[in-house]
C-alpha atoms as a PDB file:
ATOM      1  CA  MET A   1      12.534 -36.249 123.140  1.00  0.00           C
ATOM      2  CA  PRO A   2      10.709 -35.878 119.794  1.00  0.00           C
ATOM      3  CA  PRO A   3       6.905 -35.900 119.783  1.00  0.00           C
ATOM      4  CA  SER A   4       5.033 -38.890 118.436  1.00  0.00           C
ATOM      5  CA  ILE A   5       2.593 -36.768 116.389  1.00  0.00           C
ATOM      6  CA  SER A   6       3.264 -33.644 114.307  1.00  0.00           C
ATOM      7  CA  PHE A   7       0.436 -31.440 113.064  1.00  0.00           C
ATOM      8  CA  VAL A   8       1.514 -29.419 110.015  1.00  0.00           C
ATOM      9  CA  ILE A   9      -0.858 -26.536 109.368  1.00  0.00           C
ATOM     10  CA  PRO A  10      -0.195 -24.041 106.564  1.00  0.00           C
ATOM     11  CA  PHE A  11      -2.156 -20.814 106.768  1.00  0.00           C
ATOM     12  CA  VAL A  12      -2.711 -17.553 104.923  1.00  0.00           C
ATOM     13  CA  ASP A  13      -4.658 -14.761 106.668  1.00  0.00           C
ATOM     14  CA  GLU A  14      -6.235 -17.024 109.304  1.00  0.00           C
ATOM     15  CA  GLU A  15      -5.132 -15.066 112.381  1.00  0.00           C
ATOM     16  CA  PRO A  16      -8.537 -15.240 114.197  1.00  0.00           C
ATOM     17  CA  THR A  17      -8.621 -19.067 114.188  1.00  0.00           C
ATOM     18  CA  LEU A  18      -5.072 -20.047 115.201  1.00  0.00           C
ATOM     19  CA  ALA A  19      -5.404 -19.972 119.005  1.00  0.00           C
ATOM     20  CA  ASP A  20      -8.730 -21.822 118.954  1.00  0.00           C
ATOM     21  CA  LEU A  21      -7.358 -24.414 116.509  1.00  0.00           C
ATOM     22  CA  CYS A  22      -4.315 -25.157 118.674  1.00  0.00           C
ATOM     23  CA  ALA A  23      -6.541 -25.495 121.753  1.00  0.00           C
ATOM     24  CA  GLN A  24      -8.881 -27.916 119.958  1.00  0.00           C
ATOM     25  CA  ILE A  25      -5.961 -30.033 118.721  1.00  0.00           C
ATOM     26  CA  ALA A  26      -4.542 -30.235 122.246  1.00  0.00           C
ATOM     27  CA  ALA A  27      -7.921 -31.189 123.722  1.00  0.00           C
ATOM     28  CA  ALA A  28      -8.411 -33.953 121.149  1.00  0.00           C
ATOM     29  CA  THR A  29      -4.861 -35.349 121.255  1.00  0.00           C
ATOM     30  CA  ARG A  30      -3.993 -35.418 124.975  1.00  0.00           C
ATOM     31  CA  PRO A  31      -6.521 -38.178 125.835  1.00  0.00           C
ATOM     32  CA  THR A  32      -4.851 -40.462 123.267  1.00  0.00           C
ATOM     33  CA  GLY A  33      -1.637 -40.447 125.295  1.00  0.00           C
ATOM     34  CA  HIS A  34       0.498 -39.243 122.371  1.00  0.00           C
ATOM     35  CA  SER A  35       2.950 -36.391 122.706  1.00  0.00           C
ATOM     36  CA  PHE A  36       2.527 -33.833 119.930  1.00  0.00           C
ATOM     37  CA  GLU A  37       3.672 -30.634 118.279  1.00  0.00           C
ATOM     38  CA  VAL A  38       1.726 -28.155 116.165  1.00  0.00           C
ATOM     39  CA  ILE A  39       3.781 -26.634 113.344  1.00  0.00           C
ATOM     40  CA  LEU A  40       2.099 -23.504 111.962  1.00  0.00           C
ATOM     41  CA  VAL A  41       3.483 -22.506 108.563  1.00  0.00           C
ATOM     42  CA  ASP A  42       2.762 -18.915 107.565  1.00  0.00           C
ATOM     43  CA  ASP A  43       2.559 -18.740 103.767  1.00  0.00           C
ATOM     44  CA  GLY A  44       2.630 -14.957 103.359  1.00  0.00           C
ATOM     45  CA  SER A  45      -0.148 -13.747 105.692  1.00  0.00           C
ATOM     46  CA  ARG A  46      -0.884 -10.035 105.843  1.00  0.00           C
ATOM     47  CA  ASP A  47      -3.328 -10.033 108.746  1.00  0.00           C
ATOM     48  CA  GLY A  48      -0.951 -10.499 111.672  1.00  0.00           C
ATOM     49  CA  GLY A  49      -1.164 -14.280 111.581  1.00  0.00           C
ATOM     50  CA  ALA A  50       2.617 -14.719 111.857  1.00  0.00           C
ATOM     51  CA  ALA A  51       2.727 -12.555 114.984  1.00  0.00           C
ATOM     52  CA  ARG A  52      -0.137 -14.514 116.549  1.00  0.00           C
ATOM     53  CA  ALA A  53       1.564 -17.830 115.716  1.00  0.00           C
ATOM     54  CA  ALA A  54       4.849 -16.585 117.227  1.00  0.00           C
ATOM     55  CA  GLU A  55       2.950 -15.563 120.356  1.00  0.00           C
ATOM     56  CA  LEU A  56       1.397 -19.045 120.619  1.00  0.00           C
ATOM     57  CA  ALA A  57       4.825 -20.656 120.155  1.00  0.00           C
ATOM     58  CA  ALA A  58       6.264 -18.517 122.959  1.00  0.00           C
ATOM     59  CA  ARG A  59       3.295 -19.314 125.225  1.00  0.00           C
ATOM     60  CA  HIS A  60       3.425 -23.086 124.546  1.00  0.00           C
ATOM     61  CA  PRO A  61       7.118 -23.995 124.086  1.00  0.00           C
ATOM     62  CA  GLY A  62       7.612 -27.393 122.491  1.00  0.00           C
ATOM     63  CA  ALA A  63       3.925 -27.755 121.677  1.00  0.00           C
ATOM     64  CA  VAL A  64       3.490 -24.962 119.123  1.00  0.00           C
ATOM     65  CA  ARG A  65       6.101 -23.925 116.560  1.00  0.00           C
ATOM     66  CA  LEU A  66       6.150 -21.384 113.728  1.00  0.00           C
ATOM     67  CA  VAL A  67       7.727 -21.489 110.294  1.00  0.00           C
ATOM     68  CA  GLU A  68       7.322 -18.102 108.611  1.00  0.00           C
ATOM     69  CA  LEU A  69       7.996 -18.091 104.875  1.00  0.00           C
ATOM     70  CA  ARG A  70       9.262 -15.007 103.060  1.00  0.00           C
ATOM     71  CA  GLY A  71       6.076 -14.706 101.008  1.00  0.00           C
ATOM     72  CA  ASN A  72       3.340 -16.760  99.418  1.00  0.00           C
ATOM     73  CA  PHE A  73       4.904 -19.880  97.898  1.00  0.00           C
ATOM     74  CA  GLY A  74       1.714 -21.979  97.727  1.00  0.00           C
ATOM     75  CA  LYS A  75       0.295 -24.725  99.905  1.00  0.00           C
ATOM     76  CA  SER A  76       2.592 -27.457  98.586  1.00  0.00           C
ATOM     77  CA  ALA A  77       5.698 -25.449  99.456  1.00  0.00           C
ATOM     78  CA  ALA A  78       4.295 -24.541 102.871  1.00  0.00           C
ATOM     79  CA  LEU A  79       3.572 -28.197 103.625  1.00  0.00           C
ATOM     80  CA  ALA A  80       7.051 -29.167 102.437  1.00  0.00           C
ATOM     81  CA  ALA A  81       8.548 -26.648 104.886  1.00  0.00           C
ATOM     82  CA  GLY A  82       6.497 -28.159 107.712  1.00  0.00           C
ATOM     83  CA  PHE A  83       7.192 -31.776 106.748  1.00  0.00           C
ATOM     84  CA  GLU A  84      10.942 -31.127 106.722  1.00  0.00           C
ATOM     85  CA  ARG A  85      10.763 -29.955 110.339  1.00  0.00           C
ATOM     86  CA  ALA A  86       8.211 -32.454 111.657  1.00  0.00           C
ATOM     87  CA  GLY A  87       9.649 -34.751 114.317  1.00  0.00           C
ATOM     88  CA  GLY A  88       6.709 -37.109 114.812  1.00  0.00           C
ATOM     89  CA  ASP A  89       6.344 -40.668 113.561  1.00  0.00           C
ATOM     90  CA  ILE A  90       2.797 -39.678 112.577  1.00  0.00           C
ATOM     91  CA  VAL A  91       2.060 -36.474 110.649  1.00  0.00           C
ATOM     92  CA  PHE A  92      -1.346 -34.824 110.367  1.00  0.00           C
ATOM     93  CA  THR A  93      -2.327 -32.053 107.982  1.00  0.00           C
ATOM     94  CA  LEU A  94      -5.436 -29.951 108.367  1.00  0.00           C
ATOM     95  CA  ASP A  95      -6.641 -26.540 107.317  1.00  0.00           C
ATOM     96  CA  ALA A  96      -6.415 -23.582 109.663  1.00  0.00           C
ATOM     97  CA  ASP A  97      -9.935 -22.277 109.034  1.00  0.00           C
ATOM     98  CA  LEU A  98     -11.644 -24.531 111.642  1.00  0.00           C
ATOM     99  CA  GLN A  99     -13.697 -26.327 108.993  1.00  0.00           C
ATOM    100  CA  ASP A 100     -11.809 -29.528 109.869  1.00  0.00           C
ATOM    101  CA  ASP A 101     -12.765 -30.918 113.288  1.00  0.00           C
ATOM    102  CA  PRO A 102      -9.807 -32.000 115.485  1.00  0.00           C
ATOM    103  CA  ARG A 103     -12.158 -34.322 117.415  1.00  0.00           C
ATOM    104  CA  GLU A 104     -11.691 -36.712 114.470  1.00  0.00           C
ATOM    105  CA  ILE A 105      -8.007 -37.238 115.383  1.00  0.00           C
ATOM    106  CA  PRO A 106      -8.541 -40.461 117.405  1.00  0.00           C
ATOM    107  CA  ARG A 107     -10.437 -41.993 114.468  1.00  0.00           C
ATOM    108  CA  PHE A 108      -7.498 -41.263 112.138  1.00  0.00           C
ATOM    109  CA  LEU A 109      -5.131 -42.902 114.621  1.00  0.00           C
ATOM    110  CA  ALA A 110      -7.408 -45.948 114.836  1.00  0.00           C
ATOM    111  CA  ALA A 111      -7.311 -46.281 111.028  1.00  0.00           C
ATOM    112  CA  LEU A 112      -3.495 -46.236 111.154  1.00  0.00           C
ATOM    113  CA  ASP A 113      -3.594 -48.934 113.839  1.00  0.00           C
ATOM    114  CA  ASP A 114      -5.726 -51.017 111.461  1.00  0.00           C
ATOM    115  CA  GLY A 115      -2.791 -51.133 109.030  1.00  0.00           C
ATOM    116  CA  LEU A 116      -3.082 -48.072 106.806  1.00  0.00           C
ATOM    117  CA  ASP A 117      -0.114 -45.827 106.013  1.00  0.00           C
ATOM    118  CA  VAL A 118      -2.169 -42.877 104.715  1.00  0.00           C
ATOM    119  CA  VAL A 119      -5.628 -41.915 105.959  1.00  0.00           C
ATOM    120  CA  SER A 120      -7.517 -39.250 103.997  1.00  0.00           C
ATOM    121  CA  GLY A 121     -10.591 -37.444 105.247  1.00  0.00           C
ATOM    122  CA  PHE A 122     -13.819 -37.646 103.238  1.00  0.00           C
ATOM    123  CA  LYS A 123     -16.116 -34.636 103.666  1.00  0.00           C
ATOM    124  CA  LYS A 124     -19.240 -36.548 102.708  1.00  0.00           C
ATOM    125  CA  THR A 125     -21.466 -33.643 103.803  1.00  0.00           C
ATOM    126  CA  ARG A 126     -19.855 -30.333 102.867  1.00  0.00           C
ATOM    127  CA  HIS A 127     -20.707 -26.851 104.063  1.00  0.00           C
ATOM    128  CA  ASP A 128     -19.326 -24.983 101.061  1.00  0.00           C
ATOM    129  CA  PRO A 129     -21.034 -23.091  98.212  1.00  0.00           C
ATOM    130  CA  TRP A 130     -22.095 -25.169  95.196  1.00  0.00           C
ATOM    131  CA  HIS A 131     -19.579 -23.463  92.894  1.00  0.00           C
ATOM    132  CA  LYS A 132     -16.826 -24.920  95.081  1.00  0.00           C
ATOM    133  CA  VAL A 133     -18.420 -28.328  95.686  1.00  0.00           C
ATOM    134  CA  LEU A 134     -19.331 -29.152  92.055  1.00  0.00           C
ATOM    135  CA  PRO A 135     -15.822 -28.627  90.581  1.00  0.00           C
ATOM    136  CA  SER A 136     -14.423 -30.626  93.502  1.00  0.00           C
ATOM    137  CA  ARG A 137     -16.743 -33.564  92.751  1.00  0.00           C
ATOM    138  CA  ILE A 138     -15.710 -33.527  89.077  1.00  0.00           C
ATOM    139  CA  PHE A 139     -12.054 -33.237  89.998  1.00  0.00           C
ATOM    140  CA  ASN A 140     -12.226 -36.157  92.439  1.00  0.00           C
ATOM    141  CA  TRP A 141     -13.895 -38.316  89.770  1.00  0.00           C
ATOM    142  CA  LEU A 142     -11.072 -37.519  87.352  1.00  0.00           C
ATOM    143  CA  VAL A 143      -8.475 -38.361  89.992  1.00  0.00           C
ATOM    144  CA  ARG A 144     -10.056 -41.754  90.631  1.00  0.00           C
ATOM    145  CA  ARG A 145     -10.201 -42.505  86.907  1.00  0.00           C
ATOM    146  CA  LEU A 146      -6.663 -41.396  86.057  1.00  0.00           C
ATOM    147  CA  THR A 147      -4.733 -42.598  89.123  1.00  0.00           C
ATOM    148  CA  GLY A 148      -6.744 -45.650  90.156  1.00  0.00           C
ATOM    149  CA  VAL A 149      -6.711 -44.504  93.809  1.00  0.00           C
ATOM    150  CA  PRO A 150     -10.320 -44.935  95.038  1.00  0.00           C
ATOM    151  CA  LEU A 151     -10.606 -41.852  97.275  1.00  0.00           C
ATOM    152  CA  HIS A 152     -13.816 -39.845  97.243  1.00  0.00           C
ATOM    153  CA  ASP A 153     -12.272 -36.563  98.406  1.00  0.00           C
ATOM    154  CA  ILE A 154      -8.594 -36.240  97.585  1.00  0.00           C
ATOM    155  CA  ASN A 155      -8.962 -32.442  97.992  1.00  0.00           C
ATOM    156  CA  CYS A 156      -9.669 -32.782 101.730  1.00  0.00           C
ATOM    157  CA  GLY A 157      -6.840 -31.153 103.683  1.00  0.00           C
ATOM    158  CA  PHE A 158      -7.454 -33.341 106.742  1.00  0.00           C
ATOM    159  CA  LYS A 159      -5.064 -36.263 106.307  1.00  0.00           C
ATOM    160  CA  CYS A 160      -2.807 -38.457 108.391  1.00  0.00           C
ATOM    161  CA  TYR A 161       0.459 -40.100 107.341  1.00  0.00           C
ATOM    162  CA  ARG A 162       3.153 -42.319 108.692  1.00  0.00           C
ATOM    163  CA  ALA A 163       6.310 -40.211 108.545  1.00  0.00           C
ATOM    164  CA  GLU A 164       8.098 -42.575 106.151  1.00  0.00           C
ATOM    165  CA  VAL A 165       5.451 -41.858 103.496  1.00  0.00           C
ATOM    166  CA  LEU A 166       6.437 -38.198 103.365  1.00  0.00           C
ATOM    167  CA  ARG A 167      10.158 -38.881 103.010  1.00  0.00           C
ATOM    168  CA  ASP A 168       9.520 -40.208  99.483  1.00  0.00           C
ATOM    169  CA  VAL A 169       7.328 -37.307  98.305  1.00  0.00           C
ATOM    170  CA  ARG A 170       8.613 -34.154  96.652  1.00  0.00           C
ATOM    171  CA  LEU A 171       6.049 -31.337  96.709  1.00  0.00           C
ATOM    172  CA  TYR A 172       5.716 -28.439  94.269  1.00  0.00           C
ATOM    173  CA  GLY A 173       2.921 -26.792  92.287  1.00  0.00           C
ATOM    174  CA  GLU A 174      -0.402 -28.151  93.580  1.00  0.00           C
ATOM    175  CA  LEU A 175       0.874 -31.672  94.241  1.00  0.00           C
ATOM    176  CA  HIS A 176       0.014 -31.579  97.966  1.00  0.00           C
ATOM    177  CA  ARG A 177      -3.507 -32.835  97.244  1.00  0.00           C
ATOM    178  CA  PHE A 178      -2.086 -35.863  95.417  1.00  0.00           C
ATOM    179  CA  ILE A 179       0.112 -37.167  98.227  1.00  0.00           C
ATOM    180  CA  PRO A 180      -2.156 -40.234  98.683  1.00  0.00           C
ATOM    181  CA  ALA A 181      -1.823 -41.045  94.971  1.00  0.00           C
ATOM    182  CA  LEU A 182       1.943 -40.564  95.106  1.00  0.00           C
ATOM    183  CA  ALA A 183       2.061 -42.768  98.220  1.00  0.00           C
ATOM    184  CA  ALA A 184       0.033 -45.480  96.459  1.00  0.00           C
ATOM    185  CA  MET A 185       2.609 -45.395  93.635  1.00  0.00           C
ATOM    186  CA  ASN A 186       5.210 -46.351  96.255  1.00  0.00           C
ATOM    187  CA  ARG A 187       3.002 -49.229  97.466  1.00  0.00           C
ATOM    188  CA  PHE A 188       1.901 -47.624 100.730  1.00  0.00           C
ATOM    189  CA  ARG A 189      -1.576 -48.579 101.963  1.00  0.00           C
ATOM    190  CA  VAL A 190      -4.063 -45.746 101.453  1.00  0.00           C
ATOM    191  CA  GLY A 191      -7.597 -45.428 102.834  1.00  0.00           C
ATOM    192  CA  GLU A 192     -10.146 -42.865 103.968  1.00  0.00           C
ATOM    193  CA  ILE A 193     -12.638 -42.127 106.725  1.00  0.00           C
ATOM    194  CA  VAL A 194     -15.719 -39.911 106.664  1.00  0.00           C
ATOM    195  CA  VAL A 195     -15.106 -36.720 108.661  1.00  0.00           C
ATOM    196  CA  GLU A 196     -17.317 -33.909 109.880  1.00  0.00           C
ATOM    197  CA  HIS A 197     -17.040 -30.629 108.000  1.00  0.00           C
ATOM    198  CA  HIS A 198     -17.955 -27.278 109.556  1.00  0.00           C
ATOM    199  CA  PRO A 199     -19.009 -24.040 107.828  1.00  0.00           C
ATOM    200  CA  ARG A 200     -16.310 -21.402 107.547  1.00  0.00           C
ATOM    201  CA  ARG A 201     -16.600 -18.863 110.372  1.00  0.00           C
ATOM    202  CA  HIS A 202     -13.691 -16.540 109.566  1.00  0.00           C
ATOM    203  CA  GLY A 203     -11.868 -15.338 106.475  1.00  0.00           C
ATOM    204  CA  VAL A 204     -12.557 -16.231 102.860  1.00  0.00           C
ATOM    205  CA  SER A 205     -11.957 -19.327 100.764  1.00  0.00           C
ATOM    206  CA  LYS A 206      -8.720 -19.418  98.732  1.00  0.00           C
ATOM    207  CA  PHE A 207     -10.369 -21.588  96.042  1.00  0.00           C
ATOM    208  CA  GLY A 208     -10.717 -20.139  92.538  1.00  0.00           C
ATOM    209  CA  ALA A 209     -10.697 -20.957  88.828  1.00  0.00           C
ATOM    210  CA  ARG A 210      -6.934 -20.492  88.566  1.00  0.00           C
ATOM    211  CA  ARG A 211      -6.329 -22.935  91.411  1.00  0.00           C
ATOM    212  CA  PHE A 212      -8.716 -25.451  89.797  1.00  0.00           C
ATOM    213  CA  PHE A 213      -6.818 -25.199  86.486  1.00  0.00           C
ATOM    214  CA  ARG A 214      -3.456 -25.644  88.212  1.00  0.00           C
ATOM    215  CA  GLY A 215      -4.872 -28.697  89.951  1.00  0.00           C
ATOM    216  CA  LEU A 216      -5.912 -30.204  86.614  1.00  0.00           C
ATOM    217  CA  MET A 217      -2.427 -29.683  85.203  1.00  0.00           C
ATOM    218  CA  ASP A 218      -0.885 -31.340  88.235  1.00  0.00           C
ATOM    219  CA  LEU A 219      -3.370 -34.197  87.890  1.00  0.00           C
ATOM    220  CA  LEU A 220      -1.938 -34.861  84.436  1.00  0.00           C
ATOM    221  CA  THR A 221       1.524 -34.824  86.021  1.00  0.00           C
ATOM    222  CA  VAL A 222       0.500 -37.380  88.639  1.00  0.00           C
ATOM    223  CA  ALA A 223      -1.223 -39.579  86.046  1.00  0.00           C
ATOM    224  CA  PHE A 224       1.991 -39.540  84.006  1.00  0.00           C
ATOM    225  CA  LEU A 225       4.193 -40.192  87.041  1.00  0.00           C
ATOM    226  CA  SER A 226       2.010 -43.074  88.205  1.00  0.00           C
ATOM    227  CA  LYS A 227       2.874 -45.019  85.050  1.00  0.00           C
ATOM    228  CA  TYR A 228       6.121 -43.582  83.731  1.00  0.00           C
ATOM    229  CA  LEU A 229       7.976 -42.122  86.735  1.00  0.00           C
ATOM    230  CA  ARG A 230      10.944 -44.438  86.443  1.00  0.00           C
ATOM    231  CA  LYS A 231      10.820 -45.079  82.688  1.00  0.00           C
ATOM    232  CA  PRO A 232       9.603 -41.943  80.870  1.00  0.00           C
ATOM    233  CA  LEU A 233      11.036 -43.300  77.627  1.00  0.00           C
ATOM    234  CA  HIS A 234       8.258 -45.910  77.663  1.00  0.00           C
ATOM    235  CA  PHE A 235       5.788 -43.046  77.168  1.00  0.00           C
ATOM    236  CA  PHE A 236       7.746 -40.941  74.693  1.00  0.00           C
ATOM    237  CA  GLY A 237       9.188 -43.990  72.968  1.00  0.00           C
ATOM    238  CA  TRP A 238       6.040 -45.452  71.462  1.00  0.00           C
ATOM    239  CA  ILE A 239       4.774 -42.039  70.295  1.00  0.00           C
ATOM    240  CA  GLY A 240       8.118 -41.194  68.719  1.00  0.00           C
ATOM    241  CA  THR A 241       8.453 -44.638  67.194  1.00  0.00           C
ATOM    242  CA  LEU A 242       4.975 -44.489  65.616  1.00  0.00           C
ATOM    243  CA  SER A 243       5.711 -41.067  64.146  1.00  0.00           C
ATOM    244  CA  PHE A 244       9.112 -42.194  62.870  1.00  0.00           C
ATOM    245  CA  LEU A 245       7.755 -45.396  61.300  1.00  0.00           C
ATOM    246  CA  ALA A 246       4.832 -43.540  59.665  1.00  0.00           C
ATOM    247  CA  GLY A 247       7.254 -41.040  58.139  1.00  0.00           C
ATOM    248  CA  LEU A 248       9.580 -43.851  57.067  1.00  0.00           C
ATOM    249  CA  ALA A 249       6.697 -45.696  55.389  1.00  0.00           C
ATOM    250  CA  ILE A 250       5.631 -42.561  53.498  1.00  0.00           C
ATOM    251  CA  CYS A 251       9.179 -41.870  52.355  1.00  0.00           C
ATOM    252  CA  GLY A 252       9.645 -45.524  51.383  1.00  0.00           C
ATOM    253  CA  HIS A 253       6.508 -45.349  49.230  1.00  0.00           C
ATOM    254  CA  LEU A 254       7.729 -42.134  47.583  1.00  0.00           C
ATOM    255  CA  THR A 255      11.122 -43.710  46.948  1.00  0.00           C
ATOM    256  CA  VAL A 256       9.432 -46.511  44.998  1.00  0.00           C
ATOM    257  CA  VAL A 257       7.439 -43.880  43.052  1.00  0.00           C
ATOM    258  CA  TRP A 258      10.636 -41.936  42.311  1.00  0.00           C
ATOM    259  CA  LEU A 259      12.453 -45.078  41.157  1.00  0.00           C
ATOM    260  CA  SER A 260       9.580 -45.720  38.717  1.00  0.00           C
ATOM    261  CA  GLY A 261      10.449 -42.427  37.030  1.00  0.00           C
ATOM    262  CA  GLN A 262       7.811 -40.121  38.530  1.00  0.00           C
ATOM    263  CA  SER A 263       8.615 -36.756  40.098  1.00  0.00           C
ATOM    264  CA  ILE A 264       8.028 -36.446  43.850  1.00  0.00           C
ATOM    265  CA  GLY A 265       9.654 -33.078  44.585  1.00  0.00           C
ATOM    266  CA  GLN A 266       6.386 -31.122  44.611  1.00  0.00           C
ATOM    267  CA  ARG A 267       4.283 -33.639  46.489  1.00  0.00           C
ATOM    268  CA  PRO A 268       2.961 -32.557  49.942  1.00  0.00           C
ATOM    269  CA  LEU A 269       3.269 -36.186  50.999  1.00  0.00           C
ATOM    270  CA  LEU A 270       7.053 -35.825  50.863  1.00  0.00           C
ATOM    271  CA  THR A 271       6.938 -32.922  53.317  1.00  0.00           C
ATOM    272  CA  LEU A 272       4.656 -34.912  55.610  1.00  0.00           C
ATOM    273  CA  GLY A 273       6.927 -37.955  55.554  1.00  0.00           C
ATOM    274  CA  VAL A 274      10.064 -35.943  56.374  1.00  0.00           C
ATOM    275  CA  LEU A 275       8.191 -34.022  59.084  1.00  0.00           C
ATOM    276  CA  LEU A 276       6.971 -37.211  60.760  1.00  0.00           C
ATOM    277  CA  ILE A 277      10.511 -38.626  60.793  1.00  0.00           C
ATOM    278  CA  VAL A 278      11.913 -35.440  62.324  1.00  0.00           C
ATOM    279  CA  ILE A 279       9.117 -35.284  64.918  1.00  0.00           C
ATOM    280  CA  GLY A 280       9.648 -38.933  65.798  1.00  0.00           C
ATOM    281  CA  VAL A 281      13.371 -38.372  66.384  1.00  0.00           C
ATOM    282  CA  GLN A 282      12.643 -35.301  68.516  1.00  0.00           C
ATOM    283  CA  ILE A 283      10.113 -37.144  70.681  1.00  0.00           C
ATOM    284  CA  LEU A 284      12.529 -40.014  71.202  1.00  0.00           C
ATOM    285  CA  ALA A 285      15.226 -37.498  72.157  1.00  0.00           C
ATOM    286  CA  THR A 286      12.801 -35.921  74.625  1.00  0.00           C
ATOM    287  CA  GLY A 287      12.275 -39.317  76.223  1.00  0.00           C
ATOM    288  CA  LEU A 288      16.010 -39.881  76.543  1.00  0.00           C
ATOM    289  CA  ILE A 289      16.452 -36.436  78.117  1.00  0.00           C
ATOM    290  CA  ALA A 290      13.660 -37.272  80.558  1.00  0.00           C
ATOM    291  CA  GLU A 291      15.534 -40.462  81.461  1.00  0.00           C
ATOM    292  CA  LEU A 292      18.616 -38.364  82.232  1.00  0.00           C
ATOM    293  CA  VAL A 293      16.549 -36.025  84.411  1.00  0.00           C
ATOM    294  CA  VAL A 294      15.175 -38.972  86.387  1.00  0.00           C
ATOM    295  CA  HIS A 295      18.697 -40.185  87.104  1.00  0.00           C
ATOM    296  CA  VAL A 296      20.601 -36.970  87.803  1.00  0.00           C
ATOM    297  CA  ALA A 297      18.130 -34.280  88.895  1.00  0.00           C
ATOM    298  CA  GLY A 298      18.366 -33.256  92.537  1.00  0.00           C
ATOM    299  CA  ASP A 299      15.573 -31.981  94.757  1.00  0.00           C
ATOM    300  CA  ARG A 300      15.283 -28.261  95.394  1.00  0.00           C
ATOM    301  CA  ARG A 301      13.396 -26.568  98.192  1.00  0.00           C
ATOM    302  CA  PRO A 302      10.418 -24.726  96.690  1.00  0.00           C
ATOM    303  CA  TYR A 303      10.310 -22.151  99.495  1.00  0.00           C
ATOM    304  CA  ARG A 304      12.384 -19.647 101.492  1.00  0.00           C
ATOM    305  CA  VAL A 305      12.118 -19.234 105.258  1.00  0.00           C
ATOM    306  CA  ARG A 306      12.102 -15.827 106.960  1.00  0.00           C
ATOM    307  CA  ARG A 307      12.261 -17.154 110.520  1.00  0.00           C
ATOM    308  CA  THR A 308      11.320 -20.050 112.767  1.00  0.00           C
ATOM    309  CA  VAL A 309      10.032 -19.919 116.334  1.00  0.00           C
ATOM    310  CA  GLY A 310       9.992 -22.824 118.786  1.00  0.00           C
ATOM    311  CA  PHE A 311      12.652 -24.972 117.088  1.00  0.00           C
ATOM    312  CA  ASP A 312      16.218 -25.617 118.186  1.00  0.00           C
ATOM    313  CA  GLY A 313      18.547 -23.206 116.401  1.00  0.00           C
ATOM    314  CA  ASP A 314      15.772 -20.776 115.470  1.00  0.00           C
ATOM    315  CA  ARG A 315      16.557 -18.137 112.873  1.00  0.00           C
ATOM    316  CA  GLY A 316      14.889 -14.775 113.188  1.00  0.00           C
END
């Protein structure tokens, strides 16, 4: 019988926290009366985390499972691997570093019972260094402005979803943090609750400038998808049309000048007019190609699995 709740937890070099995390999740979930599974997804650990997770899966059959990837594919890919194997009607995500508090689980479930489809944690009081908190505040402000989803902390890894939400989301790059925005695009009900945040006790933060930049690029992707996912030509079309019409107007003016007997061959305006027409046609063609991609592109798994432990038909 499948569990009613799946906890999907990607980790990289978090071996010291895994046993304690699983114990805390069990202690918080059992009183709710829900059956559950904890899916630990190893995203290329080098500290023995995969071995510890396999040991926990063997010690707690059915309750703890391991998906070991063949290397570091990124958090989005690791979550996608866990989501694909999650059997629960409700799916939680949380970080493996013990900064998220599993005692908040009943409050997430209560928010779902109140009618939400996605519940995101809000770390109102954070125990992180300022150089991590400040960029996060700026980033969250940009997300609210560009997507229209009024979450204060979209970066928070502690989230809860109805399983049907995740069936419509394709994850790659850094898109995992934007699942609530992608869910809102599909008219799911999204909300948040304030959660307690603990200082990191083990390991080091994986946050850095490169990850922040990748997140900004993916934010632009989500902002584009939120308006033009199904009709990308509506975005490329008006830009291409403006460029084409501007070039056509310039060339029309030069045609009148040429018909009046003046030479136009050496005028830079002629080059500009032709260039704008060519650019306009190319942008329109790009929009049409994007339309084709929307209709015919198939999903690809952004990860490769080395082995699984605790699932039916495990591969080792």
